[in-house]
Amino acid sequence: MSKKIAVVLSGCGNKDGSEITEAISLILALSEKKAKVSFFAPNLEFSPSNFLTNETLPNSRNVMVEAARITRSDIQDLNSLVAADFDGIAFPGGYGAAKVLSNWATKGSACTVLEEVSRVILDFHKQSKPVAAICIAPVLVAKVLGSQGVNLTIGNDRETAQEILKTGAKHVDCPVTDFVTDRSAKVITTPAYMYGSAAPFEVYTGIRGLVAELIEMA
């Protein structure tokens, strides 16, 4: 039977939303495993970035509308996500995870995670369903589940790893082509573009491994 996996996006583009290569790698790997995927994003406004100059653009955009670019318009409001309807959940990276789904980008370990994001992570965890996170998205899991000492990775970035440790979570160094599994907590993480010089195929390799583990646990 096909596993039902919820994928939570934070927009479209690495600087203010979901990293596109990571999101597509996740979609391809889930498709290879014959998973039934449903996409979700928060229905809220955000301040987009100019990807050429890194400046903040003056007009706001909608996170769910932007994320729909990746999913061929197939997306739902994160508020409607019910953990009982799925076998697992995955969060691709991109700085939308640290700017939209949380404010980790400015607050680090003292951040606040968007209420609906915190809710779904806790709901899946309480139902013993696996949670997968890619690139910078593991910080969401660290903030929500860190008090339980969950093991995860963002690669080998020392500054981010130190902030993760402050949440109570445990950081494990990991190459881009691999992943880290906390079998007790059912959390799977992979660094992806936390290695800025990573080749797209290396990013895909790590995500493909993460997905195989996610489906096995689901």
Protein backbone atom coordinates (compact mmCIF):
# COMPACT_ATOMS: atom_id res chain seq x y z
CA MET A 1 0.00 0.00 0.00
CA SER A 2 1.28 3.48 -0.89
CA LYS A 3 2.37 5.60 2.05
CA LYS A 4 0.66 8.95 2.52
CA ILE A 5 3.21 11.70 3.09
CA ALA A 6 2.54 15.36 3.89
CA VAL A 7 5.10 17.85 2.54
CA VAL A 8 5.19 21.32 4.11
CA LEU A 9 6.55 24.14 1.94
CA SER A 10 7.49 27.68 2.94
CA GLY A 11 7.29 29.46 -0.41
CA CYS A 12 9.36 29.19 -3.60
CA GLY A 13 13.08 29.90 -3.67
CA ASN A 14 16.02 29.35 -1.33
CA LYS A 15 16.36 32.89 0.00
CA ASP A 16 12.83 33.38 1.32
CA GLY A 17 10.96 30.11 0.80
CA SER A 18 11.52 26.43 -0.01
CA GLU A 19 14.77 25.58 -1.78
CA ILE A 20 13.61 24.38 -5.19
CA THR A 21 16.23 21.68 -5.85
CA GLU A 22 15.58 20.23 -2.39
CA ALA A 23 11.81 20.34 -2.86
CA ILE A 24 11.98 18.70 -6.28
CA SER A 25 14.48 16.09 -5.08
CA LEU A 26 12.05 15.25 -2.28
CA ILE A 27 9.14 15.00 -4.71
CA LEU A 28 11.11 12.78 -7.12
CA ALA A 29 12.30 10.46 -4.36
CA LEU A 30 8.80 10.16 -2.91
CA SER A 31 7.45 9.42 -6.38
CA GLU A 32 10.07 6.70 -6.84
CA LYS A 33 8.76 5.09 -3.63
CA LYS A 34 5.18 5.33 -4.94
CA ALA A 35 4.17 7.57 -2.05
CA LYS A 36 0.93 9.53 -2.18
CA VAL A 37 2.00 13.12 -1.51
CA SER A 38 -0.09 16.05 -0.32
CA PHE A 39 1.37 19.55 -0.17
CA PHE A 40 0.73 22.18 2.49
CA ALA A 41 1.89 25.71 3.24
CA PRO A 42 0.84 28.45 5.66
CA ASN A 43 -1.67 30.88 4.19
CA LEU A 44 0.05 34.10 5.24
CA GLU A 45 1.86 37.09 3.82
CA PHE A 46 5.64 37.50 3.83
CA SER A 47 8.26 39.96 2.60
CA PRO A 48 9.99 38.44 -0.48
CA SER A 49 13.63 38.87 -1.46
CA ASN A 50 15.13 40.12 -4.70
CA PHE A 51 17.19 37.05 -5.65
CA LEU A 52 19.68 39.15 -7.63
CA THR A 53 20.41 41.86 -5.05
CA ASN A 54 19.29 40.16 -1.78
CA GLU A 55 17.23 43.25 -0.99
CA THR A 56 13.77 42.90 0.54
CA LEU A 57 11.06 43.75 -1.99
CA PRO A 58 8.43 46.36 -1.01
CA ASN A 59 5.28 44.36 -1.74
CA SER A 60 4.28 41.31 0.29
CA ARG A 61 3.41 37.93 -1.24
CA ASN A 62 1.45 34.91 -0.02
CA VAL A 63 3.40 31.85 1.11
CA MET A 64 0.85 29.33 -0.13
CA VAL A 65 0.49 31.06 -3.51
CA GLU A 66 4.27 31.06 -3.98
CA ALA A 67 4.61 27.41 -2.92
CA ALA A 68 1.96 26.45 -5.48
CA ARG A 69 4.54 27.25 -8.18
CA ILE A 70 6.44 24.12 -7.14
CA THR A 71 3.43 21.82 -6.79
CA ARG A 72 1.64 22.63 -10.04
CA SER A 73 -1.05 24.43 -8.01
CA ASP A 74 -1.81 21.36 -5.89
CA ILE A 75 -1.54 22.74 -2.35
CA GLN A 76 -3.61 23.17 0.80
CA ASP A 77 -3.63 25.50 3.78
CA LEU A 78 -1.38 24.16 6.54
CA ASN A 79 -4.26 24.70 8.97
CA SER A 80 -6.07 21.78 7.32
CA LEU A 81 -3.24 19.27 7.85
CA VAL A 82 -4.37 16.41 10.13
CA ALA A 83 -1.64 14.01 11.20
CA ALA A 84 -4.08 11.10 11.51
CA ASP A 85 -4.59 11.25 7.72
CA PHE A 86 -0.90 10.61 6.92
CA ASP A 87 1.91 8.15 7.53
CA GLY A 88 4.71 10.72 7.72
CA ILE A 89 5.69 14.34 7.12
CA ALA A 90 8.63 16.08 5.41
CA PHE A 91 9.99 19.64 5.42
CA PRO A 92 12.35 20.69 2.59
CA GLY A 93 14.86 23.40 3.42
CA GLY A 94 15.41 26.90 2.15
CA TYR A 95 15.45 29.97 4.35
CA GLY A 96 11.66 30.07 4.37
CA ALA A 97 12.03 27.50 7.16
CA ALA A 98 14.05 30.04 9.15
CA LYS A 99 12.17 33.17 8.06
CA VAL A 100 8.56 32.07 7.45
CA LEU A 101 7.98 28.83 9.35
CA SER A 102 10.00 30.28 12.23
CA ASN A 103 12.18 33.28 13.00
CA TRP A 104 15.32 31.20 13.55
CA ALA A 105 17.19 33.40 11.01
CA THR A 106 17.14 36.33 13.45
CA LYS A 107 16.58 34.65 16.84
CA GLY A 108 18.44 31.33 16.60
CA SER A 109 17.61 28.95 19.43
CA ALA A 110 15.44 31.64 21.05
CA CYS A 111 13.14 31.61 18.01
CA THR A 112 9.43 31.07 17.83
CA VAL A 113 8.11 28.39 15.48
CA LEU A 114 4.90 29.16 13.61
CA GLU A 115 2.04 27.75 15.70
CA GLU A 116 0.71 25.48 12.95
CA VAL A 117 4.18 24.12 12.21
CA SER A 118 4.73 23.32 15.87
CA ARG A 119 1.31 21.69 16.04
CA VAL A 120 1.89 19.32 13.12
CA ILE A 121 5.38 18.31 14.27
CA LEU A 122 4.02 17.51 17.72
CA ASP A 123 0.98 15.70 16.31
CA PHE A 124 3.07 13.43 14.07
CA HIS A 125 5.52 12.79 16.89
CA LYS A 126 2.80 11.95 19.42
CA GLN A 127 1.31 9.48 16.93
CA SER A 128 4.76 7.87 16.44
CA LYS A 129 4.85 8.88 12.77
CA PRO A 130 8.17 9.87 11.18
CA VAL A 131 9.23 13.48 10.66
CA ALA A 132 11.83 14.26 7.97
CA ALA A 133 13.61 17.61 7.62
CA ILE A 134 16.14 18.84 5.08
CA CYS A 135 18.89 21.50 5.12
CA ILE A 136 18.00 24.24 7.68
CA ALA A 137 14.52 22.79 8.35
CA PRO A 138 15.85 20.48 11.13
CA VAL A 139 16.02 23.58 13.36
CA LEU A 140 12.20 23.47 13.44
CA VAL A 141 12.37 19.95 14.85
CA ALA A 142 15.11 20.98 17.27
CA LYS A 143 13.02 23.82 18.63
CA VAL A 144 9.82 21.75 18.95
CA LEU A 145 11.30 18.42 20.10
CA GLY A 146 14.68 19.50 21.48
CA SER A 147 13.66 18.95 25.10
CA GLN A 148 13.49 15.25 24.29
CA GLY A 149 17.13 15.17 23.20
CA VAL A 150 16.35 14.31 19.59
CA ASN A 151 19.33 13.57 17.30
CA LEU A 152 19.54 15.48 14.02
CA THR A 153 21.91 17.14 11.56
CA ILE A 154 22.39 20.32 9.56
CA GLY A 155 25.75 19.10 8.25
CA ASN A 156 28.83 20.54 9.95
CA ASP A 157 28.11 24.26 10.37
CA ARG A 158 29.46 24.96 13.85
CA GLU A 159 27.48 28.13 14.57
CA THR A 160 24.12 26.58 13.68
CA ALA A 161 25.02 23.34 15.48
CA GLN A 162 25.78 25.29 18.67
CA GLU A 163 22.40 26.99 18.50
CA ILE A 164 20.74 23.60 18.00
CA LEU A 165 22.44 22.28 21.14
CA LYS A 166 20.87 25.13 23.12
CA THR A 167 17.41 23.71 22.34
CA GLY A 168 18.31 20.41 24.00
CA ALA A 169 18.59 18.57 20.69
CA LYS A 170 21.80 16.70 19.82
CA HIS A 171 23.66 17.52 16.62
CA VAL A 172 25.45 14.88 14.54
CA ASP A 173 27.91 15.92 11.81
CA CYS A 174 26.88 14.44 8.46
CA PRO A 175 28.08 14.70 4.83
CA VAL A 176 25.71 16.02 2.18
CA THR A 177 25.18 12.58 0.62
CA ASP A 178 24.07 10.94 3.87
CA PHE A 179 21.37 11.39 6.51
CA VAL A 180 20.90 10.98 10.26
CA THR A 181 18.13 8.90 11.78
CA ASP A 182 16.86 9.07 15.35
CA ARG A 183 14.96 5.79 15.43
CA SER A 184 13.51 6.40 18.88
CA ALA A 185 12.05 9.80 17.97
CA LYS A 186 11.43 8.78 14.33
CA VAL A 187 13.22 11.86 13.01
CA ILE A 188 15.28 11.78 9.79
CA THR A 189 17.43 14.71 8.66
CA THR A 190 19.93 15.45 5.87
CA PRO A 191 22.14 18.55 5.27
CA ALA A 192 21.52 19.24 1.54
CA TYR A 193 22.47 22.85 0.71
CA MET A 194 23.74 23.61 4.21
CA TYR A 195 26.82 22.66 2.21
CA GLY A 196 26.75 25.65 -0.11
CA SER A 197 29.18 24.11 -2.60
CA ALA A 198 27.26 20.82 -2.86
CA ALA A 199 26.45 19.51 -6.33
CA PRO A 200 22.75 19.00 -7.09
CA PHE A 201 23.28 15.24 -7.44
CA GLU A 202 24.87 15.12 -3.98
CA VAL A 203 21.87 16.94 -2.53
CA TYR A 204 19.55 14.50 -4.28
CA THR A 205 21.52 11.52 -3.01
CA GLY A 206 21.13 12.59 0.61
CA ILE A 207 17.44 13.36 0.16
CA ARG A 208 16.83 10.06 -1.63
CA GLY A 209 18.33 8.23 1.33
CA LEU A 210 16.23 10.26 3.74
CA VAL A 211 13.08 9.39 1.79
CA ALA A 212 13.89 5.68 1.77
CA GLU A 213 14.20 5.83 5.57
CA LEU A 214 11.01 7.88 5.88
CA ILE A 215 8.99 5.38 3.86
CA GLU A 216 10.46 2.45 5.78
CA MET A 217 9.45 4.05 9.09
CA ALA A 218 6.02 5.21 7.91
